[in-house]
Amino acid sequence: MTQSTPVAATILGERQIIFFTAKGLVSVAPKTGAVLWRYAFTSGNGAAACSPVVSGDIVYVSKAYALGTAAVKITQTNGAFAATQMWKVPGNDEANQWSTPVIFNGCVFGITGQVAFGASPLKCIDLATGAVKWSKSGFGPGGVTLADGNLLVLSDIGDLVLIKATPDGYTELARSHVLAGKCWNSVAISNGRIYARSTREGVSLDIPSN
């Protein structure tokens, strides 16, 4: 049993649902439930909370509790799928505890570390190699949302931060304290508004058109 949400994706032209189970990744055909491929990712102790993240034919997976982070490449030969590990980094330094990262232009942007409240860093990681491009501490286990080529990051203390989604370095564009209480989730964006919540309250914010 895990806390990870299954992900629907089309990989190599095949629609599939990818689960992050206690034993690793498993992809199934949505209409039949037939297993398409598996990737064993050591279960260990502690829950898998992040969802898998798909970019083209690459699937990123991460789990804290010293278990690490990996990227696998999906291939298809004569109708049969296979998952091949591209890289794996053990430990918690690059692991996402419960904040699912986002992928943009070949980079993974996510909050890493385990239970480092008020301190967990936001990192940019090269999807192809696992190399860290940059790191900025001070976010805690909050959430990351991708919007128009930028990152909306909600820190665990309620700071909403707009950051440029680039591997060239940490570039903060705007910051505002919008919530009280613990914020262990990502914001949502709909019809020109940002919605965010904490353990104490929720907020709806207008996004200026200019």
C-alpha atoms as a PDB file:
ATOM      1  CA  MET A   1       0.000   0.000   0.000  1.00  0.00           C
ATOM      2  CA  THR A   2       1.269   3.469  -0.865  1.00  0.00           C
ATOM      3  CA  GLN A   3       0.002   7.060  -0.823  1.00  0.00           C
ATOM      4  CA  SER A   4       1.086   7.694  -4.416  1.00  0.00           C
ATOM      5  CA  THR A   5      -1.593   8.684  -6.933  1.00  0.00           C
ATOM      6  CA  PRO A   6      -1.618   6.624 -10.169  1.00  0.00           C
ATOM      7  CA  VAL A   7      -0.744   8.534 -13.339  1.00  0.00           C
ATOM      8  CA  ALA A   8      -2.315   8.222 -16.793  1.00  0.00           C
ATOM      9  CA  ALA A   9       0.111   8.714 -19.694  1.00  0.00           C
ATOM     10  CA  THR A  10       0.667   7.846 -23.329  1.00  0.00           C
ATOM     11  CA  ILE A  11       4.118   6.322 -23.877  1.00  0.00           C
ATOM     12  CA  LEU A  12       5.247   5.196 -27.336  1.00  0.00           C
ATOM     13  CA  GLY A  13       1.669   5.561 -28.547  1.00  0.00           C
ATOM     14  CA  GLU A  14       0.190   3.311 -25.835  1.00  0.00           C
ATOM     15  CA  ARG A  15      -2.203   4.699 -23.235  1.00  0.00           C
ATOM     16  CA  GLN A  16      -1.321   3.322 -19.807  1.00  0.00           C
ATOM     17  CA  ILE A  17      -1.811   3.808 -16.083  1.00  0.00           C
ATOM     18  CA  ILE A  18       1.351   3.843 -13.977  1.00  0.00           C
ATOM     19  CA  PHE A  19       1.230   2.882 -10.294  1.00  0.00           C
ATOM     20  CA  PHE A  20       3.988   3.420  -7.726  1.00  0.00           C
ATOM     21  CA  THR A  21       3.522   0.387  -5.495  1.00  0.00           C
ATOM     22  CA  ALA A  22       5.480  -0.752  -2.456  1.00  0.00           C
ATOM     23  CA  LYS A  23       7.646  -2.853  -4.787  1.00  0.00           C
ATOM     24  CA  GLY A  24       8.158  -0.287  -7.552  1.00  0.00           C
ATOM     25  CA  LEU A  25       6.482   0.905 -10.736  1.00  0.00           C
ATOM     26  CA  VAL A  26       3.911  -1.122 -12.625  1.00  0.00           C
ATOM     27  CA  SER A  27       2.172   0.004 -15.811  1.00  0.00           C
ATOM     28  CA  VAL A  28      -1.133  -1.482 -16.933  1.00  0.00           C
ATOM     29  CA  ALA A  29      -3.457  -1.136 -19.914  1.00  0.00           C
ATOM     30  CA  PRO A  30      -6.465   0.887 -18.718  1.00  0.00           C
ATOM     31  CA  LYS A  31      -9.081  -1.160 -20.586  1.00  0.00           C
ATOM     32  CA  THR A  32      -7.905  -4.644 -19.641  1.00  0.00           C
ATOM     33  CA  GLY A  33      -5.577  -4.289 -16.656  1.00  0.00           C
ATOM     34  CA  ALA A  34      -2.883  -6.232 -18.499  1.00  0.00           C
ATOM     35  CA  VAL A  35       0.604  -5.483 -17.173  1.00  0.00           C
ATOM     36  CA  LEU A  36       2.701  -3.631 -19.769  1.00  0.00           C
ATOM     37  CA  TRP A  37       5.948  -3.236 -17.833  1.00  0.00           C
ATOM     38  CA  ARG A  38       7.454  -3.185 -14.338  1.00  0.00           C
ATOM     39  CA  TYR A  39      10.406  -1.510 -12.645  1.00  0.00           C
ATOM     40  CA  ALA A  40      11.534  -2.865  -9.273  1.00  0.00           C
ATOM     41  CA  PHE A  41      12.237  -0.042  -6.837  1.00  0.00           C
ATOM     42  CA  THR A  42      13.209  -1.276  -3.377  1.00  0.00           C
ATOM     43  CA  SER A  43      10.315  -1.042  -0.978  1.00  0.00           C
ATOM     44  CA  GLY A  44      12.081  -0.563   2.356  1.00  0.00           C
ATOM     45  CA  ASN A  45      10.252   1.273   5.141  1.00  0.00           C
ATOM     46  CA  GLY A  46       8.088   4.347   4.783  1.00  0.00           C
ATOM     47  CA  ALA A  47       5.351   5.203   2.333  1.00  0.00           C
ATOM     48  CA  ALA A  48       5.768   6.064  -1.318  1.00  0.00           C
ATOM     49  CA  ALA A  49       3.906   9.380  -1.472  1.00  0.00           C
ATOM     50  CA  CYS A  50       4.989  11.043  -4.728  1.00  0.00           C
ATOM     51  CA  SER A  51       3.394  10.169  -8.030  1.00  0.00           C
ATOM     52  CA  PRO A  52       5.523   8.985 -10.962  1.00  0.00           C
ATOM     53  CA  VAL A  53       6.297  11.796 -13.425  1.00  0.00           C
ATOM     54  CA  VAL A  54       6.316  11.034 -17.153  1.00  0.00           C
ATOM     55  CA  SER A  55       8.207  12.935 -19.849  1.00  0.00           C
ATOM     56  CA  GLY A  56       8.067  11.331 -23.288  1.00  0.00           C
ATOM     57  CA  ASP A  57       9.413   7.796 -22.834  1.00  0.00           C
ATOM     58  CA  ILE A  58      11.085   8.530 -19.471  1.00  0.00           C
ATOM     59  CA  VAL A  59       9.462   7.925 -16.085  1.00  0.00           C
ATOM     60  CA  TYR A  60      10.858   9.606 -12.949  1.00  0.00           C
ATOM     61  CA  VAL A  61      10.253   8.010  -9.550  1.00  0.00           C
ATOM     62  CA  SER A  62      11.328   9.062  -6.065  1.00  0.00           C
ATOM     63  CA  LYS A  63      10.890   7.951  -2.466  1.00  0.00           C
ATOM     64  CA  ALA A  64      12.359   9.299   0.763  1.00  0.00           C
ATOM     65  CA  TYR A  65      13.281   7.212   3.812  1.00  0.00           C
ATOM     66  CA  ALA A  66      16.790   6.784   2.332  1.00  0.00           C
ATOM     67  CA  LEU A  67      15.482   4.874  -0.708  1.00  0.00           C
ATOM     68  CA  GLY A  68      16.355   7.403  -3.396  1.00  0.00           C
ATOM     69  CA  THR A  69      15.424   8.608  -6.847  1.00  0.00           C
ATOM     70  CA  ALA A  70      15.599   7.092 -10.332  1.00  0.00           C
ATOM     71  CA  ALA A  71      14.678   7.604 -13.969  1.00  0.00           C
ATOM     72  CA  VAL A  72      13.750   4.752 -16.306  1.00  0.00           C
ATOM     73  CA  LYS A  73      13.466   4.672 -20.084  1.00  0.00           C
ATOM     74  CA  ILE A  74      10.555   2.779 -21.603  1.00  0.00           C
ATOM     75  CA  THR A  75      11.138   0.854 -24.832  1.00  0.00           C
ATOM     76  CA  GLN A  76       8.967  -1.352 -27.021  1.00  0.00           C
ATOM     77  CA  THR A  77      10.121  -4.302 -29.115  1.00  0.00           C
ATOM     78  CA  ASN A  78       7.666  -6.423 -31.128  1.00  0.00           C
ATOM     79  CA  GLY A  79       4.823  -5.089 -29.005  1.00  0.00           C
ATOM     80  CA  ALA A  80       6.495  -5.872 -25.675  1.00  0.00           C
ATOM     81  CA  PHE A  81       7.378  -3.016 -23.313  1.00  0.00           C
ATOM     82  CA  ALA A  82      10.430  -2.865 -21.064  1.00  0.00           C
ATOM     83  CA  ALA A  83      11.761  -0.401 -18.471  1.00  0.00           C
ATOM     84  CA  THR A  84      15.518   0.222 -18.295  1.00  0.00           C
ATOM     85  CA  GLN A  85      17.100   2.227 -15.499  1.00  0.00           C
ATOM     86  CA  MET A  86      18.917   5.332 -16.749  1.00  0.00           C
ATOM     87  CA  TRP A  87      20.250   6.447 -13.370  1.00  0.00           C
ATOM     88  CA  LYS A  88      19.576   6.077  -9.659  1.00  0.00           C
ATOM     89  CA  VAL A  89      20.647   8.215  -6.700  1.00  0.00           C
ATOM     90  CA  PRO A  90      20.293   6.574  -3.258  1.00  0.00           C
ATOM     91  CA  GLY A  91      19.463   8.399  -0.041  1.00  0.00           C
ATOM     92  CA  ASN A  92      17.365  11.460   0.751  1.00  0.00           C
ATOM     93  CA  ASP A  93      19.409  14.291  -0.764  1.00  0.00           C
ATOM     94  CA  GLU A  94      17.619  14.192  -4.125  1.00  0.00           C
ATOM     95  CA  ALA A  95      14.497  12.327  -2.966  1.00  0.00           C
ATOM     96  CA  ASN A  96      11.014  13.848  -2.907  1.00  0.00           C
ATOM     97  CA  GLN A  97       9.207  12.888   0.291  1.00  0.00           C
ATOM     98  CA  TRP A  98       5.582  13.737  -0.531  1.00  0.00           C
ATOM     99  CA  SER A  99       5.825  16.651  -2.966  1.00  0.00           C
ATOM    100  CA  THR A 100       5.532  15.390  -6.555  1.00  0.00           C
ATOM    101  CA  PRO A 101       7.962  17.349  -8.776  1.00  0.00           C
ATOM    102  CA  VAL A 102       7.357  18.673 -12.287  1.00  0.00           C
ATOM    103  CA  ILE A 103       9.368  18.201 -15.487  1.00  0.00           C
ATOM    104  CA  PHE A 104      10.027  20.999 -17.976  1.00  0.00           C
ATOM    105  CA  ASN A 105      12.524  21.184 -20.850  1.00  0.00           C
ATOM    106  CA  GLY A 106      14.433  18.106 -19.719  1.00  0.00           C
ATOM    107  CA  CYS A 107      14.716  19.159 -16.074  1.00  0.00           C
ATOM    108  CA  VAL A 108      13.039  17.953 -12.893  1.00  0.00           C
ATOM    109  CA  PHE A 109      12.015  20.727 -10.500  1.00  0.00           C
ATOM    110  CA  GLY A 110      11.056  19.548  -7.032  1.00  0.00           C
ATOM    111  CA  ILE A 111      11.425  19.922  -3.286  1.00  0.00           C
ATOM    112  CA  THR A 112      13.851  17.358  -1.919  1.00  0.00           C
ATOM    113  CA  GLY A 113      14.913  15.962   1.456  1.00  0.00           C
ATOM    114  CA  GLN A 114      12.962  14.370   4.288  1.00  0.00           C
ATOM    115  CA  VAL A 115      11.059  16.165   7.061  1.00  0.00           C
ATOM    116  CA  ALA A 116      13.244  19.264   6.846  1.00  0.00           C
ATOM    117  CA  PHE A 117      10.507  21.694   7.821  1.00  0.00           C
ATOM    118  CA  GLY A 118      11.249  25.254   6.708  1.00  0.00           C
ATOM    119  CA  ALA A 119      14.536  24.118   5.196  1.00  0.00           C
ATOM    120  CA  SER A 120      14.004  21.558   2.408  1.00  0.00           C
ATOM    121  CA  PRO A 121      15.545  22.839  -0.835  1.00  0.00           C
ATOM    122  CA  LEU A 122      14.001  23.298  -4.239  1.00  0.00           C
ATOM    123  CA  LYS A 123      16.282  21.623  -6.777  1.00  0.00           C
ATOM    124  CA  CYS A 124      16.672  21.489 -10.538  1.00  0.00           C
ATOM    125  CA  ILE A 125      17.862  18.055 -11.670  1.00  0.00           C
ATOM    126  CA  ASP A 126      18.838  16.975 -15.176  1.00  0.00           C
ATOM    127  CA  LEU A 127      16.332  14.299 -16.187  1.00  0.00           C
ATOM    128  CA  ALA A 128      18.785  12.473 -18.468  1.00  0.00           C
ATOM    129  CA  THR A 129      21.644  12.155 -15.960  1.00  0.00           C
ATOM    130  CA  GLY A 130      20.369  12.902 -12.451  1.00  0.00           C
ATOM    131  CA  ALA A 131      22.904  15.727 -12.060  1.00  0.00           C
ATOM    132  CA  VAL A 132      21.848  18.638  -9.840  1.00  0.00           C
ATOM    133  CA  LYS A 133      21.860  21.905 -11.820  1.00  0.00           C
ATOM    134  CA  TRP A 134      21.018  24.155  -8.859  1.00  0.00           C
ATOM    135  CA  SER A 135      19.598  24.060  -5.339  1.00  0.00           C
ATOM    136  CA  LYS A 136      17.866  26.679  -3.161  1.00  0.00           C
ATOM    137  CA  SER A 137      17.034  25.916   0.467  1.00  0.00           C
ATOM    138  CA  GLY A 138      14.268  27.325   2.651  1.00  0.00           C
ATOM    139  CA  PHE A 139      11.046  25.824   1.249  1.00  0.00           C
ATOM    140  CA  GLY A 140      10.235  22.882   3.491  1.00  0.00           C
ATOM    141  CA  PRO A 141       7.972  20.048   2.259  1.00  0.00           C
ATOM    142  CA  GLY A 142       5.579  22.219   0.253  1.00  0.00           C
ATOM    143  CA  GLY A 143       4.490  21.813  -3.370  1.00  0.00           C
ATOM    144  CA  VAL A 144       5.479  22.736  -6.932  1.00  0.00           C
ATOM    145  CA  THR A 145       3.185  23.634  -9.850  1.00  0.00           C
ATOM    146  CA  LEU A 146       4.269  24.419 -13.430  1.00  0.00           C
ATOM    147  CA  ALA A 147       2.578  27.408 -15.096  1.00  0.00           C
ATOM    148  CA  ASP A 148       3.555  29.056 -18.400  1.00  0.00           C
ATOM    149  CA  GLY A 149       7.221  28.128 -18.129  1.00  0.00           C
ATOM    150  CA  ASN A 150       7.482  29.209 -14.489  1.00  0.00           C
ATOM    151  CA  LEU A 151       7.234  27.433 -11.153  1.00  0.00           C
ATOM    152  CA  LEU A 152       4.669  28.300  -8.496  1.00  0.00           C
ATOM    153  CA  VAL A 153       6.118  26.937  -5.274  1.00  0.00           C
ATOM    154  CA  LEU A 154       4.157  26.931  -2.026  1.00  0.00           C
ATOM    155  CA  SER A 155       6.473  26.662   0.967  1.00  0.00           C
ATOM    156  CA  ASP A 156       5.431  24.783   4.079  1.00  0.00           C
ATOM    157  CA  ILE A 157       4.936  28.084   5.949  1.00  0.00           C
ATOM    158  CA  GLY A 158       2.647  29.590   3.298  1.00  0.00           C
ATOM    159  CA  ASP A 159       4.965  31.612   1.073  1.00  0.00           C
ATOM    160  CA  LEU A 160       3.898  31.531  -2.576  1.00  0.00           C
ATOM    161  CA  VAL A 161       6.978  31.966  -4.762  1.00  0.00           C
ATOM    162  CA  LEU A 162       7.175  32.469  -8.533  1.00  0.00           C
ATOM    163  CA  ILE A 163      10.428  31.073  -9.952  1.00  0.00           C
ATOM    164  CA  LYS A 164      11.790  30.804 -13.469  1.00  0.00           C
ATOM    165  CA  ALA A 165      11.848  27.172 -14.667  1.00  0.00           C
ATOM    166  CA  THR A 166      15.374  27.145 -16.044  1.00  0.00           C
ATOM    167  CA  PRO A 167      18.517  25.060 -15.423  1.00  0.00           C
ATOM    168  CA  ASP A 168      20.663  28.191 -15.570  1.00  0.00           C
ATOM    169  CA  GLY A 169      20.217  29.071 -11.897  1.00  0.00           C
ATOM    170  CA  TYR A 170      17.646  29.987  -9.269  1.00  0.00           C
ATOM    171  CA  THR A 171      15.756  33.079 -10.414  1.00  0.00           C
ATOM    172  CA  GLU A 172      12.989  34.292  -8.105  1.00  0.00           C
ATOM    173  CA  LEU A 173      10.424  36.514  -9.806  1.00  0.00           C
ATOM    174  CA  ALA A 174       7.942  37.220  -6.991  1.00  0.00           C
ATOM    175  CA  ARG A 175       7.074  36.160  -3.440  1.00  0.00           C
ATOM    176  CA  SER A 176       4.075  36.671  -1.152  1.00  0.00           C
ATOM    177  CA  HIS A 177       2.994  35.183   2.165  1.00  0.00           C
ATOM    178  CA  VAL A 178      -0.554  33.957   1.466  1.00  0.00           C
ATOM    179  CA  LEU A 179      -1.458  31.371   4.131  1.00  0.00           C
ATOM    180  CA  ALA A 180      -1.101  30.517   7.796  1.00  0.00           C
ATOM    181  CA  GLY A 181      -0.700  26.949   9.002  1.00  0.00           C
ATOM    182  CA  LYS A 182       1.143  24.001   7.469  1.00  0.00           C
ATOM    183  CA  CYS A 183       1.157  23.849   3.656  1.00  0.00           C
ATOM    184  CA  TRP A 184       2.114  20.374   2.471  1.00  0.00           C
ATOM    185  CA  ASN A 185       0.536  20.491  -0.972  1.00  0.00           C
ATOM    186  CA  SER A 186       0.631  22.179  -4.366  1.00  0.00           C
ATOM    187  CA  VAL A 187      -1.509  25.079  -5.539  1.00  0.00           C
ATOM    188  CA  ALA A 188      -4.122  24.767  -8.285  1.00  0.00           C
ATOM    189  CA  ILE A 189      -4.689  27.229 -11.129  1.00  0.00           C
ATOM    190  CA  SER A 190      -8.033  27.758 -12.877  1.00  0.00           C
ATOM    191  CA  ASN A 191      -9.641  30.577 -14.888  1.00  0.00           C
ATOM    192  CA  GLY A 192      -7.133  33.230 -13.876  1.00  0.00           C
ATOM    193  CA  ARG A 193      -7.053  32.372 -10.185  1.00  0.00           C
ATOM    194  CA  ILE A 194      -4.660  30.546  -7.858  1.00  0.00           C
ATOM    195  CA  TYR A 195      -6.112  28.304  -5.155  1.00  0.00           C
ATOM    196  CA  ALA A 196      -4.054  27.245  -2.153  1.00  0.00           C
ATOM    197  CA  ARG A 197      -4.746  25.688   1.232  1.00  0.00           C
ATOM    198  CA  SER A 198      -3.106  24.850   4.524  1.00  0.00           C
ATOM    199  CA  THR A 199      -4.117  22.916   7.631  1.00  0.00           C
ATOM    200  CA  ARG A 200      -5.881  26.076   8.844  1.00  0.00           C
ATOM    201  CA  GLU A 201      -7.332  27.942   5.855  1.00  0.00           C
ATOM    202  CA  GLY A 202      -7.766  28.258   2.106  1.00  0.00           C
ATOM    203  CA  VAL A 203      -7.210  31.187  -0.222  1.00  0.00           C
ATOM    204  CA  SER A 204      -8.194  32.250  -3.735  1.00  0.00           C
ATOM    205  CA  LEU A 205      -5.920  34.754  -5.461  1.00  0.00           C
ATOM    206  CA  ASP A 206      -6.424  36.849  -8.587  1.00  0.00           C
ATOM    207  CA  ILE A 207      -3.687  36.702 -11.225  1.00  0.00           C
ATOM    208  CA  PRO A 208      -3.180  40.124 -12.877  1.00  0.00           C
ATOM    209  CA  SER A 209      -3.580  39.973 -16.640  1.00  0.00           C
ATOM    210  CA  ASN A 210      -0.547  42.212 -17.165  1.00  0.00           C
END
